[in-house]
Amino acid sequence: MSVTATQNATDTPSATPLIEARNVTRILPGIVPTTLVHGVNLTIASNEFVAITGPSGSGKSSLLYLLGLLDLPTSGEVLINGRATAHMDEEERASTRLSTLGFVFQFHFLLPEFTILDNVVLPMRALGASSHSAMRERAQGLLASLGLADHLHKRPDQLSGGQRQRVAVARALANEPPVILADEPTGSLDSRASEQVFAVLRDLVDRHGKTVVAVTHDLGLAERMERHIELLDGQVVADEQHQLGITGRR
């Protein structure tokens, strides 16, 4: 794992980070402009498990949305695999999101009128890189791997909160992105379901080589991730590595 914010997982600083923020600032315009993120510099490497924490209003979600190209910085630059994104048109930005970044949100945002199988197919359909049968086969495999093989044709409202969040993880993985960005993925779940979802995210890093960047208010979960970025007033005030043993990966 990386040992500083500017080194990658294999200790070869010359390798290109998956995501890089260069002096990124996001200001919300208004009568009194609000600075959400201010002058953030960081890199995210392959096979990292990263927690972003901070008090309410510290800019955690705003930073995640900038890293995920859901919002554009007022100044500074976000690079994906070394490619600058500020001057991409919306079509190119959307294609980059679909192929490189998977998103998991606190309230899952599954479409209630579709089955969970169809919800997982949607990102693949948007990317358009596979046949319809291949998309459905992959969606079935993802859902089965997350313990949902018996629920493929249910709608989201027929599942528990923890099951819905696992569907959201499957949807995030649909296009095989190297990075999963999660915004409070356990924030609306009870402790048992939270542990299940955390275990899924942990598994993505340990067994599948993904990078997971998760905004969380749960400091206990953050301490179980290898890297912990803390924000205050839109600025990074700490970026630390946790040397986890076997108990840290439970």
C-alpha atoms as a PDB file:
ATOM      1  CA  MET A   1       0.000   0.000   0.000  1.00  0.00           C
ATOM      2  CA  SER A   2       1.070   3.596  -0.450  1.00  0.00           C
ATOM      3  CA  VAL A   3       2.868   5.291   2.414  1.00  0.00           C
ATOM      4  CA  THR A   4       2.200   8.925   1.533  1.00  0.00           C
ATOM      5  CA  ALA A   5      -0.407  10.824  -0.439  1.00  0.00           C
ATOM      6  CA  THR A   6       1.976  10.968  -3.379  1.00  0.00           C
ATOM      7  CA  GLN A   7       3.249   7.396  -3.527  1.00  0.00           C
ATOM      8  CA  ASN A   8       1.414   4.510  -5.070  1.00  0.00           C
ATOM      9  CA  ALA A   9       0.711   0.990  -3.983  1.00  0.00           C
ATOM     10  CA  THR A  10       3.907  -0.446  -5.422  1.00  0.00           C
ATOM     11  CA  ASP A  11       6.282   2.285  -4.199  1.00  0.00           C
ATOM     12  CA  THR A  12       7.016   3.463  -7.749  1.00  0.00           C
ATOM     13  CA  PRO A  13       6.282   7.198  -7.704  1.00  0.00           C
ATOM     14  CA  SER A  14       6.648   7.462 -11.480  1.00  0.00           C
ATOM     15  CA  ALA A  15       3.545   5.311 -12.104  1.00  0.00           C
ATOM     16  CA  THR A  16       0.400   7.200 -13.061  1.00  0.00           C
ATOM     17  CA  PRO A  17      -2.202   7.500 -10.259  1.00  0.00           C
ATOM     18  CA  LEU A  18      -5.745   6.370 -10.961  1.00  0.00           C
ATOM     19  CA  ILE A  19      -7.016   9.742  -9.707  1.00  0.00           C
ATOM     20  CA  GLU A  20      -5.100  12.928  -9.001  1.00  0.00           C
ATOM     21  CA  ALA A  21      -6.377  16.240  -7.639  1.00  0.00           C
ATOM     22  CA  ARG A  22      -4.155  19.237  -8.273  1.00  0.00           C
ATOM     23  CA  ASN A  23      -4.961  22.291  -6.160  1.00  0.00           C
ATOM     24  CA  VAL A  24      -8.682  21.596  -6.546  1.00  0.00           C
ATOM     25  CA  THR A  25     -11.131  24.206  -5.289  1.00  0.00           C
ATOM     26  CA  ARG A  26     -14.915  24.167  -5.527  1.00  0.00           C
ATOM     27  CA  ILE A  27     -16.849  27.369  -4.749  1.00  0.00           C
ATOM     28  CA  LEU A  28     -20.620  27.405  -4.719  1.00  0.00           C
ATOM     29  CA  PRO A  29     -21.727  30.732  -6.217  1.00  0.00           C
ATOM     30  CA  GLY A  30     -24.290  32.917  -4.483  1.00  0.00           C
ATOM     31  CA  ILE A  31     -24.777  36.275  -2.805  1.00  0.00           C
ATOM     32  CA  VAL A  32     -22.238  34.976  -0.316  1.00  0.00           C
ATOM     33  CA  PRO A  33     -20.108  32.362  -2.173  1.00  0.00           C
ATOM     34  CA  THR A  34     -19.463  29.165  -0.240  1.00  0.00           C
ATOM     35  CA  THR A  35     -16.153  27.347  -0.518  1.00  0.00           C
ATOM     36  CA  LEU A  36     -16.831  23.610  -0.397  1.00  0.00           C
ATOM     37  CA  VAL A  37     -13.313  22.364  -1.203  1.00  0.00           C
ATOM     38  CA  HIS A  38     -10.178  24.491  -1.032  1.00  0.00           C
ATOM     39  CA  GLY A  39      -6.767  23.803  -2.574  1.00  0.00           C
ATOM     40  CA  VAL A  40      -6.813  20.012  -2.278  1.00  0.00           C
ATOM     41  CA  ASN A  41      -3.845  18.044  -3.604  1.00  0.00           C
ATOM     42  CA  LEU A  42      -3.870  14.248  -3.431  1.00  0.00           C
ATOM     43  CA  THR A  43      -3.412  11.099  -5.459  1.00  0.00           C
ATOM     44  CA  ILE A  44      -5.305   7.824  -5.357  1.00  0.00           C
ATOM     45  CA  ALA A  45      -3.362   4.745  -6.457  1.00  0.00           C
ATOM     46  CA  SER A  46      -4.400   1.259  -7.451  1.00  0.00           C
ATOM     47  CA  ASN A  47      -5.510  -1.255  -4.803  1.00  0.00           C
ATOM     48  CA  GLU A  48      -6.048   1.314  -2.049  1.00  0.00           C
ATOM     49  CA  PHE A  49      -8.784   1.318   0.601  1.00  0.00           C
ATOM     50  CA  VAL A  50      -9.265   4.976   1.501  1.00  0.00           C
ATOM     51  CA  ALA A  51     -11.520   6.611   4.087  1.00  0.00           C
ATOM     52  CA  ILE A  52     -12.455  10.284   3.863  1.00  0.00           C
ATOM     53  CA  THR A  53     -13.752  11.686   7.142  1.00  0.00           C
ATOM     54  CA  GLY A  54     -14.499  15.036   8.713  1.00  0.00           C
ATOM     55  CA  PRO A  55     -17.290  16.880  10.501  1.00  0.00           C
ATOM     56  CA  SER A  56     -20.557  17.730   8.806  1.00  0.00           C
ATOM     57  CA  GLY A  57     -19.988  20.438   6.217  1.00  0.00           C
ATOM     58  CA  SER A  58     -16.263  19.745   5.926  1.00  0.00           C
ATOM     59  CA  GLY A  59     -16.465  19.033   2.186  1.00  0.00           C
ATOM     60  CA  LYS A  60     -16.229  15.214   2.229  1.00  0.00           C
ATOM     61  CA  SER A  61     -18.961  14.507  -0.307  1.00  0.00           C
ATOM     62  CA  SER A  62     -18.043  17.567  -2.358  1.00  0.00           C
ATOM     63  CA  LEU A  63     -14.497  16.238  -2.730  1.00  0.00           C
ATOM     64  CA  LEU A  64     -15.767  12.772  -3.663  1.00  0.00           C
ATOM     65  CA  TYR A  65     -18.018  14.234  -6.365  1.00  0.00           C
ATOM     66  CA  LEU A  66     -15.062  16.183  -7.768  1.00  0.00           C
ATOM     67  CA  LEU A  67     -12.874  13.071  -7.818  1.00  0.00           C
ATOM     68  CA  GLY A  68     -15.713  11.211  -9.521  1.00  0.00           C
ATOM     69  CA  LEU A  69     -16.338  13.903 -12.167  1.00  0.00           C
ATOM     70  CA  LEU A  70     -19.889  14.446 -10.948  1.00  0.00           C
ATOM     71  CA  ASP A  71     -18.974  18.100 -10.247  1.00  0.00           C
ATOM     72  CA  LEU A  72     -16.394  20.346 -11.867  1.00  0.00           C
ATOM     73  CA  PRO A  73     -13.826  22.294  -9.851  1.00  0.00           C
ATOM     74  CA  THR A  74     -13.968  26.070  -9.860  1.00  0.00           C
ATOM     75  CA  SER A  75     -10.189  25.967 -10.169  1.00  0.00           C
ATOM     76  CA  GLY A  76      -7.531  23.290 -10.217  1.00  0.00           C
ATOM     77  CA  GLU A  77      -7.607  20.017 -12.094  1.00  0.00           C
ATOM     78  CA  VAL A  78      -8.708  16.412 -11.618  1.00  0.00           C
ATOM     79  CA  LEU A  79      -6.846  13.823 -13.669  1.00  0.00           C
ATOM     80  CA  ILE A  80      -8.077  10.288 -14.345  1.00  0.00           C
ATOM     81  CA  ASN A  81      -5.313   7.858 -15.326  1.00  0.00           C
ATOM     82  CA  GLY A  82      -3.152  10.886 -16.064  1.00  0.00           C
ATOM     83  CA  ARG A  83      -5.721  12.525 -18.343  1.00  0.00           C
ATOM     84  CA  ALA A  84      -6.857  16.042 -17.543  1.00  0.00           C
ATOM     85  CA  THR A  85     -10.648  16.275 -17.339  1.00  0.00           C
ATOM     86  CA  ALA A  86     -11.430  19.995 -17.030  1.00  0.00           C
ATOM     87  CA  HIS A  87     -11.717  20.522 -20.771  1.00  0.00           C
ATOM     88  CA  MET A  88     -13.520  17.287 -21.601  1.00  0.00           C
ATOM     89  CA  ASP A  89     -16.974  17.738 -23.088  1.00  0.00           C
ATOM     90  CA  GLU A  90     -19.845  16.119 -21.207  1.00  0.00           C
ATOM     91  CA  GLU A  91     -19.941  13.084 -23.486  1.00  0.00           C
ATOM     92  CA  GLU A  92     -16.268  12.299 -22.884  1.00  0.00           C
ATOM     93  CA  ARG A  93     -16.630  12.950 -19.160  1.00  0.00           C
ATOM     94  CA  ALA A  94     -19.634  10.621 -18.975  1.00  0.00           C
ATOM     95  CA  SER A  95     -17.753   7.909 -20.886  1.00  0.00           C
ATOM     96  CA  THR A  96     -14.810   8.250 -18.474  1.00  0.00           C
ATOM     97  CA  ARG A  97     -17.132   7.908 -15.485  1.00  0.00           C
ATOM     98  CA  LEU A  98     -18.842   4.848 -16.916  1.00  0.00           C
ATOM     99  CA  SER A  99     -15.639   2.992 -17.755  1.00  0.00           C
ATOM    100  CA  THR A 100     -13.391   4.010 -14.848  1.00  0.00           C
ATOM    101  CA  LEU A 101     -15.506   4.961 -11.834  1.00  0.00           C
ATOM    102  CA  GLY A 102     -18.249   3.118  -9.994  1.00  0.00           C
ATOM    103  CA  PHE A 103     -20.475   4.934  -7.487  1.00  0.00           C
ATOM    104  CA  VAL A 104     -22.213   3.742  -4.337  1.00  0.00           C
ATOM    105  CA  PHE A 105     -24.387   6.252  -2.474  1.00  0.00           C
ATOM    106  CA  GLN A 106     -25.920   6.220   1.001  1.00  0.00           C
ATOM    107  CA  PHE A 107     -29.476   5.808  -0.277  1.00  0.00           C
ATOM    108  CA  HIS A 108     -28.487   3.527  -3.219  1.00  0.00           C
ATOM    109  CA  PHE A 109     -30.643   5.397  -5.808  1.00  0.00           C
ATOM    110  CA  LEU A 110     -31.902   2.205  -7.402  1.00  0.00           C
ATOM    111  CA  LEU A 111     -34.747   2.730  -9.865  1.00  0.00           C
ATOM    112  CA  PRO A 112     -37.849   1.397  -8.067  1.00  0.00           C
ATOM    113  CA  GLU A 113     -39.742   0.403 -11.213  1.00  0.00           C
ATOM    114  CA  PHE A 114     -36.995  -1.984 -12.376  1.00  0.00           C
ATOM    115  CA  THR A 115     -35.902  -5.339 -11.016  1.00  0.00           C
ATOM    116  CA  ILE A 116     -32.512  -5.442  -9.351  1.00  0.00           C
ATOM    117  CA  LEU A 117     -31.199  -7.362 -12.368  1.00  0.00           C
ATOM    118  CA  ASP A 118     -32.258  -4.557 -14.684  1.00  0.00           C
ATOM    119  CA  ASN A 119     -30.819  -1.950 -12.307  1.00  0.00           C
ATOM    120  CA  VAL A 120     -27.402  -3.596 -12.611  1.00  0.00           C
ATOM    121  CA  VAL A 121     -27.691  -3.845 -16.399  1.00  0.00           C
ATOM    122  CA  LEU A 122     -28.325  -0.099 -16.800  1.00  0.00           C
ATOM    123  CA  PRO A 123     -24.688   1.134 -16.573  1.00  0.00           C
ATOM    124  CA  MET A 124     -23.596  -1.508 -19.084  1.00  0.00           C
ATOM    125  CA  ARG A 125     -26.356  -0.452 -21.436  1.00  0.00           C
ATOM    126  CA  ALA A 126     -25.229   3.172 -21.113  1.00  0.00           C
ATOM    127  CA  LEU A 127     -21.633   2.221 -21.972  1.00  0.00           C
ATOM    128  CA  GLY A 128     -22.792   0.024 -24.829  1.00  0.00           C
ATOM    129  CA  ALA A 129     -19.731  -2.216 -24.946  1.00  0.00           C
ATOM    130  CA  SER A 130     -21.479  -5.613 -24.673  1.00  0.00           C
ATOM    131  CA  SER A 131     -24.398  -7.507 -26.138  1.00  0.00           C
ATOM    132  CA  HIS A 132     -27.697  -7.608 -24.261  1.00  0.00           C
ATOM    133  CA  SER A 133     -27.206 -11.256 -23.313  1.00  0.00           C
ATOM    134  CA  ALA A 134     -23.660 -10.603 -22.089  1.00  0.00           C
ATOM    135  CA  MET A 135     -24.898  -7.695 -19.974  1.00  0.00           C
ATOM    136  CA  ARG A 136     -27.560  -9.803 -18.293  1.00  0.00           C
ATOM    137  CA  GLU A 137     -25.149 -12.665 -17.735  1.00  0.00           C
ATOM    138  CA  ARG A 138     -22.636 -10.346 -16.066  1.00  0.00           C
ATOM    139  CA  ALA A 139     -25.354  -8.721 -13.926  1.00  0.00           C
ATOM    140  CA  GLN A 140     -26.550 -12.142 -12.787  1.00  0.00           C
ATOM    141  CA  GLY A 141     -23.001 -13.144 -11.892  1.00  0.00           C
ATOM    142  CA  LEU A 142     -22.358  -9.973  -9.914  1.00  0.00           C
ATOM    143  CA  LEU A 143     -25.581 -10.284  -7.953  1.00  0.00           C
ATOM    144  CA  ALA A 144     -24.940 -13.970  -7.270  1.00  0.00           C
ATOM    145  CA  SER A 145     -21.435 -13.179  -5.999  1.00  0.00           C
ATOM    146  CA  LEU A 146     -23.014 -10.778  -3.492  1.00  0.00           C
ATOM    147  CA  GLY A 147     -25.503 -13.350  -2.209  1.00  0.00           C
ATOM    148  CA  LEU A 148     -28.469 -12.111  -4.213  1.00  0.00           C
ATOM    149  CA  ALA A 149     -28.947 -14.933  -6.730  1.00  0.00           C
ATOM    150  CA  ASP A 150     -32.432 -15.700  -5.370  1.00  0.00           C
ATOM    151  CA  HIS A 151     -33.617 -12.093  -5.715  1.00  0.00           C
ATOM    152  CA  LEU A 152     -32.829 -11.214  -9.338  1.00  0.00           C
ATOM    153  CA  HIS A 153     -36.388 -10.415 -10.331  1.00  0.00           C
ATOM    154  CA  LYS A 154     -37.408  -8.543  -7.210  1.00  0.00           C
ATOM    155  CA  ARG A 155     -37.768  -4.787  -7.137  1.00  0.00           C
ATOM    156  CA  PRO A 156     -35.687  -2.742  -4.680  1.00  0.00           C
ATOM    157  CA  ASP A 157     -38.621  -2.203  -2.316  1.00  0.00           C
ATOM    158  CA  GLN A 158     -38.823  -5.968  -1.803  1.00  0.00           C
ATOM    159  CA  LEU A 159     -35.311  -6.114  -0.319  1.00  0.00           C
ATOM    160  CA  SER A 160     -33.784  -5.116   3.000  1.00  0.00           C
ATOM    161  CA  GLY A 161     -31.569  -2.053   3.314  1.00  0.00           C
ATOM    162  CA  GLY A 162     -28.406  -4.129   3.349  1.00  0.00           C
ATOM    163  CA  GLN A 163     -29.517  -6.093   0.292  1.00  0.00           C
ATOM    164  CA  ARG A 164     -30.319  -2.893  -1.604  1.00  0.00           C
ATOM    165  CA  GLN A 165     -26.864  -1.547  -0.829  1.00  0.00           C
ATOM    166  CA  ARG A 166     -25.293  -4.755  -2.126  1.00  0.00           C
ATOM    167  CA  VAL A 167     -27.277  -4.265  -5.334  1.00  0.00           C
ATOM    168  CA  ALA A 168     -25.808  -0.763  -5.502  1.00  0.00           C
ATOM    169  CA  VAL A 169     -22.316  -2.269  -5.202  1.00  0.00           C
ATOM    170  CA  ALA A 170     -23.111  -4.724  -8.011  1.00  0.00           C
ATOM    171  CA  ARG A 171     -24.307  -1.823 -10.170  1.00  0.00           C
ATOM    172  CA  ALA A 172     -21.104   0.099  -9.397  1.00  0.00           C
ATOM    173  CA  LEU A 173     -19.076  -2.924 -10.567  1.00  0.00           C
ATOM    174  CA  ALA A 174     -21.092  -3.469 -13.751  1.00  0.00           C
ATOM    175  CA  ASN A 175     -18.538  -1.966 -16.156  1.00  0.00           C
ATOM    176  CA  GLU A 176     -15.535  -3.411 -14.262  1.00  0.00           C
ATOM    177  CA  PRO A 177     -14.178  -0.014 -13.127  1.00  0.00           C
ATOM    178  CA  PRO A 178     -10.855   0.061 -11.260  1.00  0.00           C
ATOM    179  CA  VAL A 179     -12.219   2.589  -8.737  1.00  0.00           C
ATOM    180  CA  ILE A 180     -15.308   2.486  -6.520  1.00  0.00           C
ATOM    181  CA  LEU A 181     -16.336   5.789  -4.912  1.00  0.00           C
ATOM    182  CA  ALA A 182     -18.725   5.357  -2.001  1.00  0.00           C
ATOM    183  CA  ASP A 183     -20.558   8.199  -0.251  1.00  0.00           C
ATOM    184  CA  GLU A 184     -21.617   7.094   3.255  1.00  0.00           C
ATOM    185  CA  PRO A 185     -22.325   3.550   2.007  1.00  0.00           C
ATOM    186  CA  THR A 186     -23.258   2.336   5.504  1.00  0.00           C
ATOM    187  CA  GLY A 187     -24.777   5.562   6.794  1.00  0.00           C
ATOM    188  CA  SER A 188     -28.415   4.427   6.577  1.00  0.00           C
ATOM    189  CA  LEU A 189     -27.846   0.818   7.680  1.00  0.00           C
ATOM    190  CA  ASP A 190     -27.986  -0.970  11.005  1.00  0.00           C
ATOM    191  CA  SER A 191     -24.780  -2.411  12.448  1.00  0.00           C
ATOM    192  CA  ARG A 192     -25.237  -5.886  10.964  1.00  0.00           C
ATOM    193  CA  ALA A 193     -25.957  -4.618   7.463  1.00  0.00           C
ATOM    194  CA  SER A 194     -23.136  -2.064   7.778  1.00  0.00           C
ATOM    195  CA  GLU A 195     -20.698  -4.859   8.555  1.00  0.00           C
ATOM    196  CA  GLN A 196     -21.901  -6.850   5.550  1.00  0.00           C
ATOM    197  CA  VAL A 197     -21.424  -3.905   3.186  1.00  0.00           C
ATOM    198  CA  PHE A 198     -18.018  -3.098   4.672  1.00  0.00           C
ATOM    199  CA  ALA A 199     -16.970  -6.716   4.156  1.00  0.00           C
ATOM    200  CA  VAL A 200     -18.001  -6.474   0.495  1.00  0.00           C
ATOM    201  CA  LEU A 201     -15.912  -3.312   0.022  1.00  0.00           C
ATOM    202  CA  ARG A 202     -12.984  -4.902   1.865  1.00  0.00           C
ATOM    203  CA  ASP A 203     -13.226  -7.908  -0.437  1.00  0.00           C
ATOM    204  CA  LEU A 204     -13.142  -5.698  -3.538  1.00  0.00           C
ATOM    205  CA  VAL A 205      -9.739  -4.397  -2.436  1.00  0.00           C
ATOM    206  CA  ASP A 206      -8.222  -7.587  -1.036  1.00  0.00           C
ATOM    207  CA  ARG A 207      -9.433 -10.164  -3.554  1.00  0.00           C
ATOM    208  CA  HIS A 208     -10.268  -8.177  -6.679  1.00  0.00           C
ATOM    209  CA  GLY A 209      -7.589  -5.483  -6.646  1.00  0.00           C
ATOM    210  CA  LYS A 210     -10.014  -2.584  -6.767  1.00  0.00           C
ATOM    211  CA  THR A 211      -9.473   0.830  -5.241  1.00  0.00           C
ATOM    212  CA  VAL A 212     -12.253   1.913  -2.879  1.00  0.00           C
ATOM    213  CA  VAL A 213     -12.592   5.504  -1.679  1.00  0.00           C
ATOM    214  CA  ALA A 214     -15.322   5.855   0.928  1.00  0.00           C
ATOM    215  CA  VAL A 215     -16.695   8.927   2.657  1.00  0.00           C
ATOM    216  CA  THR A 216     -17.795   7.886   6.133  1.00  0.00           C
ATOM    217  CA  HIS A 217     -18.752   9.446   9.438  1.00  0.00           C
ATOM    218  CA  ASP A 218     -17.931   6.155  11.195  1.00  0.00           C
ATOM    219  CA  LEU A 219     -14.407   6.537  12.591  1.00  0.00           C
ATOM    220  CA  GLY A 220     -14.418   2.877  13.598  1.00  0.00           C
ATOM    221  CA  LEU A 221     -14.780   1.861   9.958  1.00  0.00           C
ATOM    222  CA  ALA A 222     -12.227   4.463   8.872  1.00  0.00           C
ATOM    223  CA  GLU A 223      -9.654   2.956  11.236  1.00  0.00           C
ATOM    224  CA  ARG A 224     -10.080  -0.374   9.439  1.00  0.00           C
ATOM    225  CA  MET A 225      -9.058   1.088   6.084  1.00  0.00           C
ATOM    226  CA  GLU A 226      -5.411   1.414   5.115  1.00  0.00           C
ATOM    227  CA  ARG A 227      -5.517   5.135   4.368  1.00  0.00           C
ATOM    228  CA  HIS A 228      -7.395   7.859   6.228  1.00  0.00           C
ATOM    229  CA  ILE A 229      -7.870  11.350   4.759  1.00  0.00           C
ATOM    230  CA  GLU A 230      -9.395  13.917   7.112  1.00  0.00           C
ATOM    231  CA  LEU A 231     -11.024  17.120   5.903  1.00  0.00           C
ATOM    232  CA  LEU A 232     -11.805  20.317   7.790  1.00  0.00           C
ATOM    233  CA  ASP A 233     -13.342  23.396   6.181  1.00  0.00           C
ATOM    234  CA  GLY A 234     -12.750  21.944   2.738  1.00  0.00           C
ATOM    235  CA  GLN A 235      -9.045  21.292   3.266  1.00  0.00           C
ATOM    236  CA  VAL A 236      -7.048  18.129   3.868  1.00  0.00           C
ATOM    237  CA  VAL A 237      -5.704  18.346   7.426  1.00  0.00           C
ATOM    238  CA  ALA A 238      -4.445  14.756   7.700  1.00  0.00           C
ATOM    239  CA  ASP A 239      -3.557  11.956   5.298  1.00  0.00           C
ATOM    240  CA  GLU A 240      -2.334   8.913   7.198  1.00  0.00           C
ATOM    241  CA  GLN A 241      -1.572   5.282   6.548  1.00  0.00           C
ATOM    242  CA  HIS A 242      -2.790   2.529   8.876  1.00  0.00           C
ATOM    243  CA  GLN A 243      -0.591  -0.522   9.172  1.00  0.00           C
ATOM    244  CA  LEU A 244      -3.292  -3.139   9.608  1.00  0.00           C
ATOM    245  CA  GLY A 245      -2.676  -6.645  10.828  1.00  0.00           C
ATOM    246  CA  ILE A 246      -5.012  -9.584  10.561  1.00  0.00           C
ATOM    247  CA  THR A 247      -7.432  -8.036  13.049  1.00  0.00           C
ATOM    248  CA  GLY A 248      -7.564  -4.834  10.995  1.00  0.00           C
ATOM    249  CA  ARG A 249      -8.896  -6.822   8.023  1.00  0.00           C
ATOM    250  CA  ARG A 250     -11.719  -8.580   9.847  1.00  0.00           C
END
